[in-house]
Amino acid sequence: MLPALVPSWRFFDMIAPSPRIEYRLFDTGETPITDWQEYRPRPRYLSIFAMAKRMVWNPNWNEMLYLVSCSERIMAGEQDHSARQIQYCLRRDVKHQGGYDALQFRLVFLHREGEEIRKDVGYISPLYPRGNGVG
């Protein structure tokens, strides 16, 4: 039972920066109406109660882990299904923001160089028009 509770680090092929998803919204003229925004940014502070609750119930984090997996697949060249999944979740979550006609997402990687944190863009999606049932 110990291997199930304490997994081996050999489970991972390599340890690399995890991609983060950023998005922006567009109007009809393909002009961005928002700057790039991080999708579901991590909270800066969590109380002890919130941490304990998240250990038992945290569907948003589970979905984010799935989207990170989709992001990693995009970077590995498997773009169709994974990009559709990310775009579906984005559209669902930004549909309350009116006044946009399309959205776009990108995958960014953060890493430290000395005292500076550097952001590298690994992938930029095409524009996804609003519609098709979601958004």
C-alpha atoms as a PDB file:
ATOM      1  CA  MET A   1       0.000   0.000   0.000  1.00  0.00           C
ATOM      2  CA  LEU A   2       2.959   2.349   0.553  1.00  0.00           C
ATOM      3  CA  PRO A   3       3.692   2.762  -3.213  1.00  0.00           C
ATOM      4  CA  ALA A   4       0.095   3.932  -3.714  1.00  0.00           C
ATOM      5  CA  LEU A   5       0.406   6.542  -0.968  1.00  0.00           C
ATOM      6  CA  VAL A   6       3.936   7.701  -1.806  1.00  0.00           C
ATOM      7  CA  PRO A   7       4.436   7.495  -5.580  1.00  0.00           C
ATOM      8  CA  SER A   8       7.881   7.154  -7.069  1.00  0.00           C
ATOM      9  CA  TRP A   9       9.411  10.126  -8.896  1.00  0.00           C
ATOM     10  CA  ARG A  10      10.456   7.638 -11.564  1.00  0.00           C
ATOM     11  CA  PHE A  11       6.813   7.810 -12.646  1.00  0.00           C
ATOM     12  CA  PHE A  12       7.652  11.008 -14.551  1.00  0.00           C
ATOM     13  CA  ASP A  13       9.730  10.911 -17.740  1.00  0.00           C
ATOM     14  CA  MET A  14      11.080  14.356 -16.940  1.00  0.00           C
ATOM     15  CA  ILE A  15      10.287  17.300 -14.738  1.00  0.00           C
ATOM     16  CA  ALA A  16       9.727  20.487 -16.734  1.00  0.00           C
ATOM     17  CA  PRO A  17       7.823  23.741 -16.318  1.00  0.00           C
ATOM     18  CA  SER A  18       4.089  23.261 -16.533  1.00  0.00           C
ATOM     19  CA  PRO A  19       2.320  25.215 -19.266  1.00  0.00           C
ATOM     20  CA  ARG A  20      -0.096  27.934 -18.197  1.00  0.00           C
ATOM     21  CA  ILE A  21      -3.088  28.951 -20.244  1.00  0.00           C
ATOM     22  CA  GLU A  22      -3.735  32.593 -21.080  1.00  0.00           C
ATOM     23  CA  TYR A  23      -6.569  33.947 -23.197  1.00  0.00           C
ATOM     24  CA  ARG A  24      -7.812  37.137 -24.798  1.00  0.00           C
ATOM     25  CA  LEU A  25     -11.102  38.193 -26.327  1.00  0.00           C
ATOM     26  CA  PHE A  26     -11.698  39.822 -29.725  1.00  0.00           C
ATOM     27  CA  ASP A  27     -14.368  41.996 -31.326  1.00  0.00           C
ATOM     28  CA  THR A  28     -15.714  41.538 -34.858  1.00  0.00           C
ATOM     29  CA  GLY A  29     -12.734  43.225 -36.511  1.00  0.00           C
ATOM     30  CA  GLU A  30     -10.233  40.747 -35.048  1.00  0.00           C
ATOM     31  CA  THR A  31      -9.019  43.464 -32.697  1.00  0.00           C
ATOM     32  CA  PRO A  32      -8.205  42.252 -29.175  1.00  0.00           C
ATOM     33  CA  ILE A  33     -10.513  43.882 -26.633  1.00  0.00           C
ATOM     34  CA  THR A  34      -8.620  42.433 -23.666  1.00  0.00           C
ATOM     35  CA  ASP A  35      -4.963  41.840 -22.908  1.00  0.00           C
ATOM     36  CA  TRP A  36      -3.734  38.317 -22.296  1.00  0.00           C
ATOM     37  CA  GLN A  37      -5.212  37.054 -19.012  1.00  0.00           C
ATOM     38  CA  GLU A  38      -4.212  33.982 -17.065  1.00  0.00           C
ATOM     39  CA  TYR A  39      -6.965  31.376 -17.076  1.00  0.00           C
ATOM     40  CA  ARG A  40      -7.928  30.466 -13.519  1.00  0.00           C
ATOM     41  CA  PRO A  41      -4.958  32.060 -11.753  1.00  0.00           C
ATOM     42  CA  ARG A  42      -3.818  30.419  -8.555  1.00  0.00           C
ATOM     43  CA  PRO A  43      -4.779  32.240  -5.365  1.00  0.00           C
ATOM     44  CA  ARG A  44      -1.977  34.130  -3.626  1.00  0.00           C
ATOM     45  CA  TYR A  45      -3.202  33.029  -0.184  1.00  0.00           C
ATOM     46  CA  LEU A  46      -5.260  30.121   1.149  1.00  0.00           C
ATOM     47  CA  SER A  47      -6.433  29.703   4.720  1.00  0.00           C
ATOM     48  CA  ILE A  48      -5.844  26.445   6.546  1.00  0.00           C
ATOM     49  CA  PHE A  49      -9.568  25.688   6.220  1.00  0.00           C
ATOM     50  CA  ALA A  50      -9.493  26.294   2.454  1.00  0.00           C
ATOM     51  CA  MET A  51      -6.439  24.025   2.088  1.00  0.00           C
ATOM     52  CA  ALA A  52      -8.131  21.252   4.056  1.00  0.00           C
ATOM     53  CA  LYS A  53     -11.312  21.605   2.013  1.00  0.00           C
ATOM     54  CA  ARG A  54      -9.326  21.465  -1.244  1.00  0.00           C
ATOM     55  CA  MET A  55      -7.765  18.160  -0.190  1.00  0.00           C
ATOM     56  CA  VAL A  56     -11.261  16.633  -0.212  1.00  0.00           C
ATOM     57  CA  TRP A  57     -13.221  18.644  -2.776  1.00  0.00           C
ATOM     58  CA  ASN A  58     -11.678  20.673  -5.585  1.00  0.00           C
ATOM     59  CA  PRO A  59     -13.294  20.035  -8.983  1.00  0.00           C
ATOM     60  CA  ASN A  60     -11.828  23.207 -10.524  1.00  0.00           C
ATOM     61  CA  TRP A  61      -8.284  22.073  -9.735  1.00  0.00           C
ATOM     62  CA  ASN A  62      -9.011  18.615 -11.144  1.00  0.00           C
ATOM     63  CA  GLU A  63     -10.215  20.235 -14.359  1.00  0.00           C
ATOM     64  CA  MET A  64      -7.111  22.450 -14.464  1.00  0.00           C
ATOM     65  CA  LEU A  65      -4.915  19.356 -14.155  1.00  0.00           C
ATOM     66  CA  TYR A  66      -6.779  17.906 -17.132  1.00  0.00           C
ATOM     67  CA  LEU A  67      -6.252  21.133 -19.106  1.00  0.00           C
ATOM     68  CA  VAL A  68      -2.535  21.105 -18.250  1.00  0.00           C
ATOM     69  CA  SER A  69      -2.432  17.566 -19.627  1.00  0.00           C
ATOM     70  CA  CYS A  70      -4.177  18.831 -22.792  1.00  0.00           C
ATOM     71  CA  SER A  71      -1.616  21.662 -22.983  1.00  0.00           C
ATOM     72  CA  GLU A  72       1.251  19.188 -22.758  1.00  0.00           C
ATOM     73  CA  ARG A  73      -0.321  17.131 -25.551  1.00  0.00           C
ATOM     74  CA  ILE A  74      -0.574  20.247 -27.732  1.00  0.00           C
ATOM     75  CA  MET A  75       3.126  20.885 -27.202  1.00  0.00           C
ATOM     76  CA  ALA A  76       3.792  17.255 -28.164  1.00  0.00           C
ATOM     77  CA  GLY A  77       1.958  17.771 -31.465  1.00  0.00           C
ATOM     78  CA  GLU A  78      -1.475  16.347 -30.635  1.00  0.00           C
ATOM     79  CA  GLN A  79      -3.408  19.561 -31.212  1.00  0.00           C
ATOM     80  CA  ASP A  80      -6.932  18.866 -32.468  1.00  0.00           C
ATOM     81  CA  HIS A  81      -8.682  17.228 -29.520  1.00  0.00           C
ATOM     82  CA  SER A  82      -6.652  18.981 -26.833  1.00  0.00           C
ATOM     83  CA  ALA A  83      -7.175  22.460 -28.300  1.00  0.00           C
ATOM     84  CA  ARG A  84     -10.923  21.789 -28.585  1.00  0.00           C
ATOM     85  CA  GLN A  85     -11.071  20.804 -24.905  1.00  0.00           C
ATOM     86  CA  ILE A  86      -9.240  23.938 -23.761  1.00  0.00           C
ATOM     87  CA  GLN A  87     -11.322  26.185 -25.998  1.00  0.00           C
ATOM     88  CA  TYR A  88     -14.550  24.572 -24.762  1.00  0.00           C
ATOM     89  CA  CYS A  89     -13.665  25.268 -21.104  1.00  0.00           C
ATOM     90  CA  LEU A  90     -12.585  28.819 -21.899  1.00  0.00           C
ATOM     91  CA  ARG A  91     -15.792  29.566 -23.780  1.00  0.00           C
ATOM     92  CA  ARG A  92     -17.873  28.129 -20.972  1.00  0.00           C
ATOM     93  CA  ASP A  93     -16.092  30.243 -18.352  1.00  0.00           C
ATOM     94  CA  VAL A  94     -16.029  33.558 -20.279  1.00  0.00           C
ATOM     95  CA  LYS A  95     -19.546  33.419 -21.717  1.00  0.00           C
ATOM     96  CA  HIS A  96     -20.711  35.875 -19.035  1.00  0.00           C
ATOM     97  CA  GLN A  97     -18.305  38.476 -20.454  1.00  0.00           C
ATOM     98  CA  GLY A  98     -20.403  40.083 -23.153  1.00  0.00           C
ATOM     99  CA  GLY A  99     -19.179  42.129 -26.061  1.00  0.00           C
ATOM    100  CA  TYR A 100     -16.762  39.692 -27.660  1.00  0.00           C
ATOM    101  CA  ASP A 101     -17.014  37.726 -30.879  1.00  0.00           C
ATOM    102  CA  ALA A 102     -13.982  35.432 -30.697  1.00  0.00           C
ATOM    103  CA  LEU A 103     -11.367  34.182 -28.302  1.00  0.00           C
ATOM    104  CA  GLN A 104      -7.816  32.958 -28.550  1.00  0.00           C
ATOM    105  CA  PHE A 105      -5.563  31.171 -26.099  1.00  0.00           C
ATOM    106  CA  ARG A 106      -1.863  30.623 -25.750  1.00  0.00           C
ATOM    107  CA  LEU A 107       0.364  28.375 -23.698  1.00  0.00           C
ATOM    108  CA  VAL A 108       3.141  30.034 -21.743  1.00  0.00           C
ATOM    109  CA  PHE A 109       5.995  28.611 -19.721  1.00  0.00           C
ATOM    110  CA  LEU A 110       7.465  30.456 -16.743  1.00  0.00           C
ATOM    111  CA  HIS A 111      11.007  29.861 -15.609  1.00  0.00           C
ATOM    112  CA  ARG A 112      13.513  31.679 -13.469  1.00  0.00           C
ATOM    113  CA  GLU A 113      16.703  33.195 -14.829  1.00  0.00           C
ATOM    114  CA  GLY A 114      18.613  34.539 -11.857  1.00  0.00           C
ATOM    115  CA  GLU A 115      16.296  36.970 -10.073  1.00  0.00           C
ATOM    116  CA  GLU A 116      14.038  37.392 -13.082  1.00  0.00           C
ATOM    117  CA  ILE A 117      11.021  35.282 -14.065  1.00  0.00           C
ATOM    118  CA  ARG A 118      10.850  34.795 -17.812  1.00  0.00           C
ATOM    119  CA  LYS A 119       7.706  33.952 -19.788  1.00  0.00           C
ATOM    120  CA  ASP A 120       8.075  32.003 -23.038  1.00  0.00           C
ATOM    121  CA  VAL A 121       5.131  31.476 -25.380  1.00  0.00           C
ATOM    122  CA  GLY A 122       4.952  27.889 -26.628  1.00  0.00           C
ATOM    123  CA  TYR A 123       1.722  27.900 -28.636  1.00  0.00           C
ATOM    124  CA  ILE A 124      -0.865  30.407 -29.873  1.00  0.00           C
ATOM    125  CA  SER A 125      -4.237  29.083 -30.995  1.00  0.00           C
ATOM    126  CA  PRO A 126      -6.239  30.326 -33.946  1.00  0.00           C
ATOM    127  CA  LEU A 127      -9.232  32.572 -33.251  1.00  0.00           C
ATOM    128  CA  TYR A 128     -12.304  30.661 -32.107  1.00  0.00           C
ATOM    129  CA  PRO A 129     -15.545  32.431 -32.992  1.00  0.00           C
ATOM    130  CA  ARG A 130     -18.216  32.781 -30.333  1.00  0.00           C
ATOM    131  CA  GLY A 131     -21.099  30.389 -30.784  1.00  0.00           C
ATOM    132  CA  ASN A 132     -21.660  26.666 -31.327  1.00  0.00           C
ATOM    133  CA  GLY A 133     -23.719  26.336 -28.155  1.00  0.00           C
ATOM    134  CA  VAL A 134     -21.110  27.522 -25.674  1.00  0.00           C
ATOM    135  CA  GLY A 135     -20.124  31.151 -25.169  1.00  0.00           C
END
